[in-house]
Protein backbone atom coordinates (compact mmCIF):
# COMPACT_ATOMS: atom_id res chain seq x y z
CA MET A 1 -137.97 93.26 -80.74
CA LEU A 2 -139.68 94.44 -83.87
CA LEU A 3 -141.88 97.47 -84.42
CA ALA A 4 -145.11 96.32 -86.05
CA GLY A 5 -147.89 98.89 -86.21
CA GLY A 6 -148.22 100.43 -82.76
CA GLY A 7 -146.90 97.43 -80.87
CA VAL A 8 -143.68 95.57 -80.50
CA VAL A 9 -143.08 91.90 -81.33
CA ALA A 10 -140.21 89.91 -79.82
CA GLN A 11 -137.37 88.50 -81.89
CA GLN A 12 -134.51 88.15 -79.46
CA ARG A 13 -131.76 86.30 -81.37
CA PRO A 14 -130.82 86.62 -85.05
CA ALA A 15 -131.47 83.62 -87.30
CA TYR A 16 -128.43 83.34 -89.59
CA SER A 17 -129.06 81.66 -92.94
CA GLN A 18 -125.43 80.56 -93.39
CA TYR A 19 -125.33 78.94 -89.95
CA MET A 20 -123.22 76.00 -91.19
CA PHE A 21 -120.25 78.37 -91.65
CA ASN A 22 -120.98 80.53 -88.60
CA GLY A 23 -120.51 78.07 -85.77
CA LEU A 24 -119.26 80.45 -83.07
CA ALA A 25 -122.51 82.45 -83.25
CA LEU A 26 -124.37 79.35 -82.04
CA ASN A 27 -121.90 77.36 -79.98
CA PRO A 28 -118.90 78.45 -77.85
CA ALA A 29 -117.40 74.96 -78.21
CA TYR A 30 -116.75 75.75 -81.90
CA ALA A 31 -113.85 78.01 -80.83
CA GLY A 32 -110.57 76.61 -82.14
CA SER A 33 -112.17 73.33 -83.21
CA GLN A 34 -110.11 73.34 -86.41
CA LYS A 35 -106.36 73.79 -86.76
CA GLN A 36 -106.63 77.31 -88.14
CA PHE A 37 -107.10 80.95 -87.26
CA ASN A 38 -110.61 81.91 -88.31
CA ALA A 39 -112.09 85.41 -88.71
CA MET A 40 -115.60 86.01 -90.04
CA ALA A 41 -117.74 89.07 -90.76
CA VAL A 42 -121.50 88.78 -91.42
CA ILE A 43 -123.93 91.50 -92.51
CA ARG A 44 -127.63 90.62 -92.47
CA SER A 45 -130.58 92.75 -93.56
CA GLN A 46 -133.87 91.03 -92.73
CA TRP A 47 -137.27 91.72 -94.32
CA VAL A 48 -136.06 94.47 -96.65
CA ASN A 49 -138.45 97.47 -96.94
CA PHE A 50 -140.25 96.50 -93.72
CA GLU A 51 -140.02 99.36 -91.23
CA GLY A 52 -138.10 98.47 -88.08
CA ALA A 53 -136.87 95.13 -89.45
CA PRO A 54 -133.62 93.71 -88.02
CA LYS A 55 -130.26 94.77 -89.42
CA THR A 56 -127.37 92.79 -87.94
CA GLN A 57 -123.58 92.92 -88.14
CA LEU A 58 -121.39 90.21 -86.63
CA LEU A 59 -117.63 89.76 -86.22
CA SER A 60 -116.12 86.54 -84.85
CA VAL A 61 -112.50 85.50 -84.33
CA HIS A 62 -111.25 82.21 -82.92
CA ALA A 63 -108.23 79.90 -82.97
CA PRO A 64 -106.65 77.00 -81.07
CA LEU A 65 -103.76 77.70 -78.71
CA ASP A 66 -100.42 76.37 -79.93
CA ARG A 67 -99.83 72.78 -78.73
CA LYS A 68 -102.62 72.97 -76.19
CA ASN A 69 -106.08 71.40 -76.20
CA ILE A 70 -107.68 74.82 -75.86
CA GLY A 71 -109.58 77.10 -78.24
CA LEU A 72 -110.30 80.78 -77.65
CA GLY A 73 -112.79 83.01 -79.42
CA MET A 74 -114.37 86.46 -79.48
CA LEU A 75 -117.81 87.38 -80.82
CA ILE A 76 -118.98 90.98 -81.33
CA SER A 77 -122.40 91.90 -82.73
CA HIS A 78 -124.48 94.99 -83.44
CA GLU A 79 -128.18 95.03 -84.30
CA ASN A 80 -130.85 97.63 -85.05
CA ILE A 81 -134.39 96.35 -84.63
CA GLY A 82 -137.43 98.54 -84.16
CA VAL A 83 -136.69 101.20 -81.55
CA HIS A 84 -133.72 99.23 -80.19
CA THR A 85 -129.98 99.30 -80.85
CA ASP A 86 -128.11 96.33 -79.37
CA TRP A 87 -124.39 95.73 -78.87
CA SER A 88 -122.85 92.57 -77.45
CA ALA A 89 -119.35 91.19 -76.87
CA TYR A 90 -118.63 87.62 -75.79
CA ALA A 91 -115.44 85.66 -75.08
CA SER A 92 -115.38 81.89 -75.62
CA TYR A 93 -113.23 79.13 -74.14
CA ALA A 94 -113.23 75.54 -75.41
CA TYR A 95 -111.40 72.47 -74.13
CA GLN A 96 -110.71 69.84 -76.78
CA ILE A 97 -110.60 66.08 -76.29
CA LYS A 98 -108.87 64.51 -79.29
CA PHE A 99 -109.56 60.94 -80.37
CA LYS A 100 -107.11 59.17 -82.66
CA ARG A 101 -108.73 58.82 -86.10
CA ALA A 102 -112.11 59.65 -84.59
CA GLY A 103 -112.33 63.42 -84.46
CA ILE A 104 -112.37 66.06 -81.73
CA LEU A 105 -114.89 66.67 -78.95
CA SER A 106 -114.90 70.27 -77.72
CA LEU A 107 -116.61 71.48 -74.55
CA GLY A 108 -117.13 75.24 -74.46
CA LEU A 109 -118.13 78.13 -72.23
CA GLN A 110 -118.79 81.76 -73.07
CA GLY A 111 -119.53 84.92 -71.16
CA GLY A 112 -120.15 88.49 -72.15
CA ILE A 113 -122.08 91.71 -71.91
CA ASN A 114 -125.09 93.10 -73.77
CA TYR A 115 -125.88 96.79 -74.10
CA ARG A 116 -129.26 98.05 -75.35
CA GLN A 117 -130.39 101.58 -76.23
CA SER A 118 -134.13 102.04 -76.75
CA ASP A 119 -135.77 105.18 -78.11
CA PHE A 120 -139.45 104.72 -77.22
CA THR A 121 -140.24 108.24 -78.44
CA LYS A 122 -140.30 106.75 -81.97
CA LEU A 123 -143.42 104.76 -81.09
CA THR A 124 -146.89 106.05 -81.89
CA VAL A 125 -149.09 105.07 -78.94
CA GLN A 126 -152.49 106.04 -77.63
CA ALA A 127 -151.15 107.09 -74.24
CA GLY A 128 -147.67 108.30 -73.44
CA SER A 129 -147.70 108.74 -69.70
CA ASP A 130 -145.68 105.66 -68.80
CA PRO A 131 -142.42 106.82 -67.17
CA LEU A 132 -140.42 104.18 -69.08
CA LEU A 133 -141.36 105.73 -72.43
CA GLY A 134 -138.46 107.85 -73.58
CA TYR A 135 -134.78 107.09 -74.05
CA HIS A 136 -133.76 103.96 -72.16
CA ARG A 137 -130.37 102.24 -71.68
CA LYS A 138 -129.63 98.88 -70.12
CA SER A 139 -126.59 96.60 -69.73
CA THR A 140 -126.80 92.91 -68.87
CA VAL A 141 -124.41 89.97 -68.64
CA ASN A 142 -124.98 86.45 -69.89
CA PHE A 143 -123.28 83.09 -70.07
CA GLY A 144 -123.54 80.02 -72.26
CA THR A 145 -122.23 76.53 -72.82
CA GLY A 146 -122.00 73.95 -75.57
CA ALA A 147 -120.44 70.77 -76.95
CA PHE A 148 -119.14 70.28 -80.49
CA TYR A 149 -117.87 67.06 -82.09
CA SER A 150 -116.18 67.26 -85.49
CA THR A 151 -114.15 65.30 -88.02
CA ARG A 152 -112.75 66.47 -91.35
CA LYS A 153 -116.07 65.60 -93.01
CA GLY A 154 -118.78 66.14 -90.42
CA TYR A 155 -119.95 67.69 -87.18
CA VAL A 156 -122.66 67.69 -84.53
CA GLY A 157 -123.16 70.32 -81.84
CA LEU A 158 -125.47 71.06 -78.92
CA SER A 159 -125.50 74.42 -77.15
CA SER A 160 -127.34 76.98 -75.06
CA PRO A 161 -125.30 80.15 -75.62
CA TYR A 162 -127.46 82.49 -73.47
CA LEU A 163 -128.51 80.86 -70.21
CA VAL A 164 -129.51 83.92 -68.16
CA GLU A 165 -133.09 85.09 -68.76
CA ASN A 166 -132.56 88.82 -68.31
CA LYS A 167 -135.50 91.24 -68.06
CA THR A 168 -136.81 92.96 -71.20
CA PHE A 169 -139.65 95.41 -71.85
CA ASN A 170 -142.52 95.45 -74.35
CA VAL A 171 -144.56 98.54 -75.24
CA GLU A 172 -148.22 97.86 -75.97
CA ASP A 173 -150.51 99.79 -78.35
CA ASP A 174 -151.94 101.86 -75.49
CA GLY A 175 -148.49 102.99 -74.35
CA THR A 176 -148.21 100.75 -71.30
CA VAL A 177 -144.93 98.95 -70.66
CA THR A 178 -144.94 95.25 -69.78
CA GLU A 179 -141.98 93.29 -68.44
CA ASN A 180 -140.75 90.09 -70.11
CA ARG A 181 -137.62 87.99 -69.98
CA GLU A 182 -135.13 87.00 -72.65
CA ALA A 183 -135.80 83.58 -74.09
CA ARG A 184 -133.38 80.75 -73.40
CA TYR A 185 -132.53 78.98 -76.65
CA TYR A 186 -131.11 75.51 -77.26
CA TYR A 187 -129.43 74.74 -80.58
CA LEU A 188 -128.70 71.38 -82.17
CA THR A 189 -126.60 71.41 -85.34
CA ALA A 190 -125.26 68.65 -87.57
CA GLY A 191 -123.74 68.30 -91.03
CA LYS A 192 -121.88 65.74 -93.14
CA VAL A 193 -119.81 66.05 -96.33
CA PHE A 194 -120.25 63.39 -99.03
CA GLU A 195 -118.14 62.88 -102.15
CA LEU A 196 -120.30 62.77 -105.30
CA GLY A 197 -117.33 62.64 -107.66
CA PRO A 198 -113.69 63.68 -108.00
CA LYS A 199 -114.63 67.36 -108.04
CA VAL A 200 -118.12 67.48 -106.53
CA GLN A 201 -119.09 67.31 -102.86
CA THR A 202 -122.37 67.83 -101.04
CA MET A 203 -123.08 68.68 -97.41
CA PRO A 204 -126.58 68.27 -95.98
CA SER A 205 -127.01 70.00 -92.62
CA VAL A 206 -129.67 70.79 -90.05
CA LEU A 207 -130.21 73.39 -87.33
CA LEU A 208 -132.83 72.89 -84.62
CA ARG A 209 -133.87 75.82 -82.41
CA LEU A 210 -135.66 74.97 -79.17
CA GLN A 211 -137.25 77.61 -76.95
CA ASP A 212 -139.48 77.28 -73.90
CA ASN A 213 -143.22 77.36 -74.70
CA MET A 214 -142.56 77.75 -78.45
CA PRO A 215 -142.76 75.32 -81.39
CA VAL A 216 -139.48 73.77 -82.51
CA GLY A 217 -137.81 75.80 -85.25
CA TYR A 218 -135.52 74.21 -87.81
CA ASP A 219 -133.46 74.83 -90.93
CA LEU A 220 -132.97 71.94 -93.37
CA SER A 221 -130.13 72.65 -95.80
CA VAL A 222 -128.02 71.11 -98.52
CA ASN A 223 -124.92 72.63 -100.13
CA PHE A 224 -123.00 71.51 -103.21
CA TYR A 225 -119.34 72.29 -103.92
CA TYR A 226 -117.73 72.29 -107.34
CA ASN A 227 -113.97 71.84 -107.73
CA LYS A 228 -113.55 73.34 -104.22
CA VAL A 229 -114.15 76.79 -105.75
CA LEU A 230 -117.91 77.31 -106.06
CA GLY A 231 -120.68 76.39 -103.68
CA THR A 232 -124.46 76.58 -104.04
CA GLY A 233 -127.17 75.56 -101.62
CA ILE A 234 -130.77 75.73 -100.54
CA SER A 235 -132.44 75.78 -97.12
CA TYR A 236 -135.96 75.59 -95.77
CA ARG A 237 -136.73 77.41 -92.49
CA ASN A 238 -140.03 76.07 -91.19
CA GLY A 239 -142.90 78.51 -91.48
CA ASP A 240 -140.60 81.35 -92.49
CA SER A 241 -138.57 81.16 -95.69
CA ILE A 242 -136.82 79.33 -98.49
CA ILE A 243 -133.16 80.30 -98.71
CA GLY A 244 -130.77 80.25 -101.65
CA MET A 245 -127.02 80.30 -100.95
CA PHE A 246 -123.91 81.00 -103.02
CA GLN A 247 -120.31 80.53 -101.95
CA LEU A 248 -117.08 81.57 -103.68
CA ILE A 249 -113.91 79.97 -102.32
CA LEU A 250 -111.14 82.22 -103.65
CA ASN A 251 -108.42 80.09 -102.05
CA GLU A 252 -107.89 78.16 -98.82
CA ASN A 253 -107.77 81.47 -96.93
CA VAL A 254 -110.63 83.58 -98.31
CA ASN A 255 -114.25 82.51 -98.60
CA PHE A 256 -117.22 84.71 -99.62
CA GLY A 257 -120.87 83.77 -99.10
CA TYR A 258 -124.28 85.24 -99.92
CA ALA A 259 -127.78 84.11 -98.94
CA TYR A 260 -131.20 85.33 -100.00
CA ASP A 261 -134.29 84.48 -97.94
CA TYR A 262 -137.61 84.36 -99.79
CA THR A 263 -140.25 85.02 -97.14
CA LEU A 264 -143.11 82.49 -96.87
CA SER A 265 -144.93 84.01 -93.90
CA SER A 266 -147.62 86.71 -93.99
CA LEU A 267 -144.82 89.31 -94.19
CA ARG A 268 -144.11 88.35 -97.82
CA ASN A 269 -146.56 91.00 -99.05
CA HIS A 270 -144.64 93.72 -97.20
CA THR A 271 -141.00 92.82 -97.82
CA GLN A 272 -138.56 91.92 -100.58
CA GLY A 273 -136.94 89.14 -98.57
CA SER A 274 -133.71 89.11 -96.58
CA HIS A 275 -130.05 89.38 -97.59
CA GLU A 276 -126.99 88.02 -95.81
CA LEU A 277 -123.32 88.56 -96.74
CA MET A 278 -120.42 86.61 -95.25
CA LEU A 279 -116.65 87.08 -95.54
CA ASN A 280 -114.42 84.42 -93.98
CA TYR A 281 -110.62 84.56 -93.62
CA ARG A 282 -108.61 81.55 -92.45
CA ILE A 283 -104.91 80.88 -91.84
CA ARG A 284 -103.64 77.34 -91.48
CA LEU A 285 -101.85 76.53 -88.22
CA SER A 286 -100.83 73.01 -89.27
CA PRO A 287 -99.56 71.30 -92.44
CA GLU A 288 -103.16 70.39 -93.32
CA PRO A 289 -105.00 72.75 -95.74
CA CYS A 290 -107.61 75.05 -94.23
CA HIS A 291 -111.04 73.53 -93.77
CA THR A 292 -113.74 75.32 -95.81
CA TYR A 293 -116.90 73.17 -95.49
CA PHE A 294 -117.92 74.33 -92.00
């Protein structure tokens, strides 16, 4: 939820610009889908210079179990947005069905806890008599599911990582508190790597976000890789931003990414865009080199 003037506007789930490398944040079936240990840290600062804008930190870890068709993962996030501070921790389990020469289908589940602290005393309202105005804490649980199919050069995934529509609260301009519910999101992701030459690859990808009673949101993206060391890309998020991406692949283990969102909405006159940093560390668990495209 975002402080905007005297009111509060809902934004319940972060929109990561480098989603193609951040699969566990969208889909629990991504856990252990590649034969490697994978740890990722993401720092995102949205709508810089806009008061109350989201600031998000994410840590994810996942890996397959040795000689078993199982992947396990952990996702921890922290976000400041408006008067709210949110923490969440989720564990993921994925069962993998392997097809000879045809990729891996993973079916995943996740469950976890959310903790929110809200300091409504920071709001400037016309009336402050509502008993909920003040310092408020709330813990909730949630569950999600997903499917993820991948090969060495492509993937497609479908997920709903937060199925429970827990209660939330909005504060109106006059100080009254209204009750809402968390939105249930559905994500569809897909990407494919193409060889353009001996040392150049490209990967177009797409992310669809579906939410009840809301227009479909989508990111259309294309990334280019040079000599398996440098990556550049561009994305369009409908009605929101154009995104430039840069990736530095130091070796098969360490991968650094940066994204800048140029805002296209009416907020562009009040912000200097959004920044997102990503650090990815991978360790191979098989003779095959670590996968770095997604």
